[in-house]
């Protein structure tokens, strides 16, 4: 995973909120996680409609798109959500990376030359920084899977 600025989309925020572990995103060393107001609007819709935890992400910086980023976001694939497009635009213009789990958004990020990570990548970095053991990481992953996360793997050991 990249160091420096990493834009986090709603899928990743939702996953870590559901397990009440925002610290696994916000407290990594060498990474400046942020999101956009567009992503937070999507998350807020989940708070209202699906009972997501309310104040979990209050400390996460929100980066407002400048005019060039807004124009760039408007030209991205229309099937991407506003939050995904905003994260991609900020990451491209501010030389950041993106954390998302959506396959279409990940492909678009790679096409744009961005470094891409997601829910699993963040767990792996927490293990590498010794914030979690492999067993703890696997237990968290199992919990995410039980909540409906579609993981490509059930054991993080091969990624460490």
C-alpha atoms as a PDB file:
ATOM      1  CA  UNK A   1       0.000   0.000   0.000  1.00  0.00           C
ATOM      2  CA  UNK A   2       1.083   3.546  -0.636  1.00  0.00           C
ATOM      3  CA  UNK A   3       2.401   5.941   1.926  1.00  0.00           C
ATOM      4  CA  UNK A   4       1.182   9.514   1.899  1.00  0.00           C
ATOM      5  CA  UNK A   5      -2.334  10.505   0.867  1.00  0.00           C
ATOM      6  CA  UNK A   6      -4.899   7.714   0.422  1.00  0.00           C
ATOM      7  CA  UNK A   7      -8.506   8.563  -0.493  1.00  0.00           C
ATOM      8  CA  UNK A   8     -11.014   6.174   1.095  1.00  0.00           C
ATOM      9  CA  UNK A   9     -14.351   5.446  -0.532  1.00  0.00           C
ATOM     10  CA  UNK A  10     -17.630   4.445   1.072  1.00  0.00           C
ATOM     11  CA  UNK A  11     -17.198   0.674   0.713  1.00  0.00           C
ATOM     12  CA  UNK A  12     -14.049   0.669   2.839  1.00  0.00           C
ATOM     13  CA  UNK A  13     -15.482   3.155   5.356  1.00  0.00           C
ATOM     14  CA  UNK A  14     -18.586   1.005   5.691  1.00  0.00           C
ATOM     15  CA  UNK A  15     -16.615  -2.203   6.226  1.00  0.00           C
ATOM     16  CA  UNK A  16     -14.512  -0.761   9.036  1.00  0.00           C
ATOM     17  CA  UNK A  17     -17.498   1.005  10.611  1.00  0.00           C
ATOM     18  CA  UNK A  18     -19.491  -2.237  10.685  1.00  0.00           C
ATOM     19  CA  UNK A  19     -16.796  -3.910  12.775  1.00  0.00           C
ATOM     20  CA  UNK A  20     -16.287  -0.789  14.928  1.00  0.00           C
ATOM     21  CA  UNK A  21     -12.595  -0.548  13.980  1.00  0.00           C
ATOM     22  CA  UNK A  22     -12.043   2.844  12.334  1.00  0.00           C
ATOM     23  CA  UNK A  23      -8.661   2.903  14.083  1.00  0.00           C
ATOM     24  CA  UNK A  24      -7.412   0.310  11.598  1.00  0.00           C
ATOM     25  CA  UNK A  25      -7.812   3.006   8.941  1.00  0.00           C
ATOM     26  CA  UNK A  26      -7.031   6.196  10.822  1.00  0.00           C
ATOM     27  CA  UNK A  27      -4.042   5.103  12.906  1.00  0.00           C
ATOM     28  CA  UNK A  28      -1.666   3.569  10.351  1.00  0.00           C
ATOM     29  CA  UNK A  29       1.836   5.019  10.373  1.00  0.00           C
ATOM     30  CA  UNK A  30       2.999   6.826   7.245  1.00  0.00           C
ATOM     31  CA  UNK A  31      -0.450   7.012   5.666  1.00  0.00           C
ATOM     32  CA  UNK A  32      -2.655  10.093   5.514  1.00  0.00           C
ATOM     33  CA  UNK A  33      -6.165   8.748   4.999  1.00  0.00           C
ATOM     34  CA  UNK A  34      -8.822  11.199   3.849  1.00  0.00           C
ATOM     35  CA  UNK A  35     -12.117  11.157   2.021  1.00  0.00           C
ATOM     36  CA  UNK A  36     -14.392  13.627   0.277  1.00  0.00           C
ATOM     37  CA  UNK A  37     -17.719  15.250   1.172  1.00  0.00           C
ATOM     38  CA  UNK A  38     -19.285  13.181  -1.635  1.00  0.00           C
ATOM     39  CA  UNK A  39     -18.190   9.957   0.068  1.00  0.00           C
ATOM     40  CA  UNK A  40     -19.433  11.184   3.428  1.00  0.00           C
ATOM     41  CA  UNK A  41     -22.823  11.951   1.849  1.00  0.00           C
ATOM     42  CA  UNK A  42     -22.976   8.323   0.668  1.00  0.00           C
ATOM     43  CA  UNK A  43     -21.973   7.111   4.127  1.00  0.00           C
ATOM     44  CA  UNK A  44     -24.584   9.382   5.730  1.00  0.00           C
ATOM     45  CA  UNK A  45     -27.237   7.802   3.495  1.00  0.00           C
ATOM     46  CA  UNK A  46     -26.209   4.465   5.024  1.00  0.00           C
ATOM     47  CA  UNK A  47     -26.508   5.927   8.519  1.00  0.00           C
ATOM     48  CA  UNK A  48     -30.030   7.070   7.736  1.00  0.00           C
ATOM     49  CA  UNK A  49     -31.190   4.100   5.677  1.00  0.00           C
ATOM     50  CA  UNK A  50     -29.293   1.128   7.091  1.00  0.00           C
ATOM     51  CA  UNK A  51     -28.465   2.122  10.646  1.00  0.00           C
ATOM     52  CA  UNK A  52     -24.718   2.519  10.129  1.00  0.00           C
ATOM     53  CA  UNK A  53     -22.753   3.896  13.113  1.00  0.00           C
ATOM     54  CA  UNK A  54     -23.089   7.686  13.189  1.00  0.00           C
ATOM     55  CA  UNK A  55     -19.938   9.474  14.358  1.00  0.00           C
ATOM     56  CA  UNK A  56     -17.325   6.866  13.456  1.00  0.00           C
ATOM     57  CA  UNK A  57     -15.555   8.967  10.815  1.00  0.00           C
ATOM     58  CA  UNK A  58     -15.794  12.447  12.355  1.00  0.00           C
ATOM     59  CA  UNK A  59     -11.995  12.718  12.649  1.00  0.00           C
ATOM     60  CA  UNK A  60     -11.304  11.620   9.058  1.00  0.00           C
ATOM     61  CA  UNK A  61     -10.280  14.645   6.964  1.00  0.00           C
ATOM     62  CA  UNK A  62     -12.645  15.543   4.130  1.00  0.00           C
ATOM     63  CA  UNK A  63     -10.992  17.075   1.069  1.00  0.00           C
ATOM     64  CA  UNK A  64     -13.217  19.346  -0.993  1.00  0.00           C
ATOM     65  CA  UNK A  65     -12.674  19.086  -4.731  1.00  0.00           C
ATOM     66  CA  UNK A  66     -11.254  22.136  -6.479  1.00  0.00           C
ATOM     67  CA  UNK A  67     -12.655  23.202  -9.893  1.00  0.00           C
ATOM     68  CA  UNK A  68     -10.143  21.117 -11.883  1.00  0.00           C
ATOM     69  CA  UNK A  69     -10.918  18.038  -9.786  1.00  0.00           C
ATOM     70  CA  UNK A  70     -14.667  18.601 -10.221  1.00  0.00           C
ATOM     71  CA  UNK A  71     -14.259  18.760 -14.010  1.00  0.00           C
ATOM     72  CA  UNK A  72     -12.112  15.620 -13.960  1.00  0.00           C
ATOM     73  CA  UNK A  73     -14.648  13.754 -11.793  1.00  0.00           C
ATOM     74  CA  UNK A  74     -17.451  14.706 -14.175  1.00  0.00           C
ATOM     75  CA  UNK A  75     -15.568  13.059 -17.069  1.00  0.00           C
ATOM     76  CA  UNK A  76     -15.082   9.718 -15.310  1.00  0.00           C
ATOM     77  CA  UNK A  77     -17.251   6.663 -15.940  1.00  0.00           C
ATOM     78  CA  UNK A  78     -20.878   7.554 -15.197  1.00  0.00           C
ATOM     79  CA  UNK A  79     -21.518   4.128 -13.655  1.00  0.00           C
ATOM     80  CA  UNK A  80     -19.145   5.020 -10.817  1.00  0.00           C
ATOM     81  CA  UNK A  81     -20.768   6.694  -7.839  1.00  0.00           C
ATOM     82  CA  UNK A  82     -20.137  10.340  -7.002  1.00  0.00           C
ATOM     83  CA  UNK A  83     -17.992   9.277  -4.056  1.00  0.00           C
ATOM     84  CA  UNK A  84     -15.796   7.009  -6.142  1.00  0.00           C
ATOM     85  CA  UNK A  85     -15.401   9.638  -8.853  1.00  0.00           C
ATOM     86  CA  UNK A  86     -14.488  12.286  -6.267  1.00  0.00           C
ATOM     87  CA  UNK A  87     -11.854  10.036  -4.659  1.00  0.00           C
ATOM     88  CA  UNK A  88     -10.353   9.211  -8.042  1.00  0.00           C
ATOM     89  CA  UNK A  89     -10.225  12.881  -9.027  1.00  0.00           C
ATOM     90  CA  UNK A  90      -8.517  13.972  -5.808  1.00  0.00           C
ATOM     91  CA  UNK A  91      -6.069  11.047  -5.917  1.00  0.00           C
ATOM     92  CA  UNK A  92      -5.070  11.861  -9.502  1.00  0.00           C
ATOM     93  CA  UNK A  93      -4.702  15.605  -8.965  1.00  0.00           C
ATOM     94  CA  UNK A  94      -2.964  15.406  -5.570  1.00  0.00           C
ATOM     95  CA  UNK A  95      -0.734  12.404  -6.343  1.00  0.00           C
ATOM     96  CA  UNK A  96      -2.512  10.136  -3.891  1.00  0.00           C
ATOM     97  CA  UNK A  97      -3.726   6.563  -3.878  1.00  0.00           C
ATOM     98  CA  UNK A  98      -7.210   5.128  -3.438  1.00  0.00           C
ATOM     99  CA  UNK A  99      -8.733   2.596  -1.045  1.00  0.00           C
ATOM    100  CA  UNK A 100     -11.845   0.997  -2.514  1.00  0.00           C
ATOM    101  CA  UNK A 101     -13.289  -2.470  -3.023  1.00  0.00           C
ATOM    102  CA  UNK A 102     -15.544  -1.850  -6.029  1.00  0.00           C
ATOM    103  CA  UNK A 103     -14.153  -3.737  -9.050  1.00  0.00           C
ATOM    104  CA  UNK A 104     -15.096  -1.077 -11.618  1.00  0.00           C
ATOM    105  CA  UNK A 105     -13.603   1.723  -9.511  1.00  0.00           C
ATOM    106  CA  UNK A 106     -10.426  -0.299  -8.948  1.00  0.00           C
ATOM    107  CA  UNK A 107     -10.012  -0.912 -12.690  1.00  0.00           C
ATOM    108  CA  UNK A 108     -10.545   2.784 -13.402  1.00  0.00           C
ATOM    109  CA  UNK A 109      -7.992   3.710 -10.719  1.00  0.00           C
ATOM    110  CA  UNK A 110      -5.447   1.347 -12.265  1.00  0.00           C
ATOM    111  CA  UNK A 111      -6.171   2.776 -15.724  1.00  0.00           C
ATOM    112  CA  UNK A 112      -5.440   6.219 -14.274  1.00  0.00           C
ATOM    113  CA  UNK A 113      -2.115   4.972 -12.879  1.00  0.00           C
ATOM    114  CA  UNK A 114      -3.136   5.121  -9.223  1.00  0.00           C
ATOM    115  CA  UNK A 115      -1.984   2.808  -6.469  1.00  0.00           C
ATOM    116  CA  UNK A 116      -5.038   0.863  -5.297  1.00  0.00           C
ATOM    117  CA  UNK A 117      -5.739  -0.824  -1.993  1.00  0.00           C
ATOM    118  CA  UNK A 118      -8.886  -1.833  -0.168  1.00  0.00           C
ATOM    119  CA  UNK A 119     -10.271  -3.466   2.936  1.00  0.00           C
ATOM    120  CA  UNK A 120      -7.866  -6.420   2.764  1.00  0.00           C
ATOM    121  CA  UNK A 121      -4.851  -4.263   1.932  1.00  0.00           C
ATOM    122  CA  UNK A 122      -5.503  -2.126   4.994  1.00  0.00           C
ATOM    123  CA  UNK A 123      -5.696  -5.247   7.184  1.00  0.00           C
ATOM    124  CA  UNK A 124      -2.389  -6.462   5.727  1.00  0.00           C
ATOM    125  CA  UNK A 125      -0.647  -3.155   6.489  1.00  0.00           C
ATOM    126  CA  UNK A 126      -1.954  -3.298  10.057  1.00  0.00           C
ATOM    127  CA  UNK A 127      -0.361  -6.745  10.388  1.00  0.00           C
ATOM    128  CA  UNK A 128       2.913  -5.590   8.821  1.00  0.00           C
ATOM    129  CA  UNK A 129       3.024  -2.631  11.216  1.00  0.00           C
ATOM    130  CA  UNK A 130       2.436  -5.123  14.082  1.00  0.00           C
ATOM    131  CA  UNK A 131      -0.808  -3.427  15.044  1.00  0.00           C
ATOM    132  CA  UNK A 132      -2.521  -6.807  14.521  1.00  0.00           C
ATOM    133  CA  UNK A 133      -1.361 -10.406  14.576  1.00  0.00           C
ATOM    134  CA  UNK A 134      -2.149 -12.601  11.586  1.00  0.00           C
ATOM    135  CA  UNK A 135      -4.684 -14.427  13.771  1.00  0.00           C
ATOM    136  CA  UNK A 136      -6.347 -11.124  14.691  1.00  0.00           C
ATOM    137  CA  UNK A 137      -6.396 -10.045  11.046  1.00  0.00           C
ATOM    138  CA  UNK A 138      -7.951 -13.348   9.995  1.00  0.00           C
ATOM    139  CA  UNK A 139     -10.558 -13.058  12.765  1.00  0.00           C
ATOM    140  CA  UNK A 140     -11.458  -9.548  11.572  1.00  0.00           C
ATOM    141  CA  UNK A 141     -11.644 -10.788   7.976  1.00  0.00           C
ATOM    142  CA  UNK A 142     -13.918 -13.664   9.074  1.00  0.00           C
ATOM    143  CA  UNK A 143     -16.139 -11.135  10.843  1.00  0.00           C
ATOM    144  CA  UNK A 144     -16.333  -9.012   7.704  1.00  0.00           C
ATOM    145  CA  UNK A 145     -17.214 -12.073   5.620  1.00  0.00           C
ATOM    146  CA  UNK A 146     -19.950 -12.982   8.128  1.00  0.00           C
ATOM    147  CA  UNK A 147     -21.357  -9.471   7.619  1.00  0.00           C
ATOM    148  CA  UNK A 148     -21.496  -9.978   3.844  1.00  0.00           C
ATOM    149  CA  UNK A 149     -18.058  -8.811   2.680  1.00  0.00           C
ATOM    150  CA  UNK A 150     -17.171 -10.713  -0.498  1.00  0.00           C
ATOM    151  CA  UNK A 151     -13.540 -11.556   0.106  1.00  0.00           C
ATOM    152  CA  UNK A 152     -11.339 -13.187  -2.523  1.00  0.00           C
ATOM    153  CA  UNK A 153      -9.604 -15.068   0.307  1.00  0.00           C
ATOM    154  CA  UNK A 154     -10.256 -16.291   3.840  1.00  0.00           C
ATOM    155  CA  UNK A 155      -6.676 -16.259   5.158  1.00  0.00           C
ATOM    156  CA  UNK A 156      -4.282 -13.315   5.078  1.00  0.00           C
ATOM    157  CA  UNK A 157      -1.157 -15.419   5.705  1.00  0.00           C
ATOM    158  CA  UNK A 158      -0.094 -15.582   2.053  1.00  0.00           C
ATOM    159  CA  UNK A 159      -0.146 -11.768   1.810  1.00  0.00           C
ATOM    160  CA  UNK A 160       2.208 -11.143   4.722  1.00  0.00           C
END
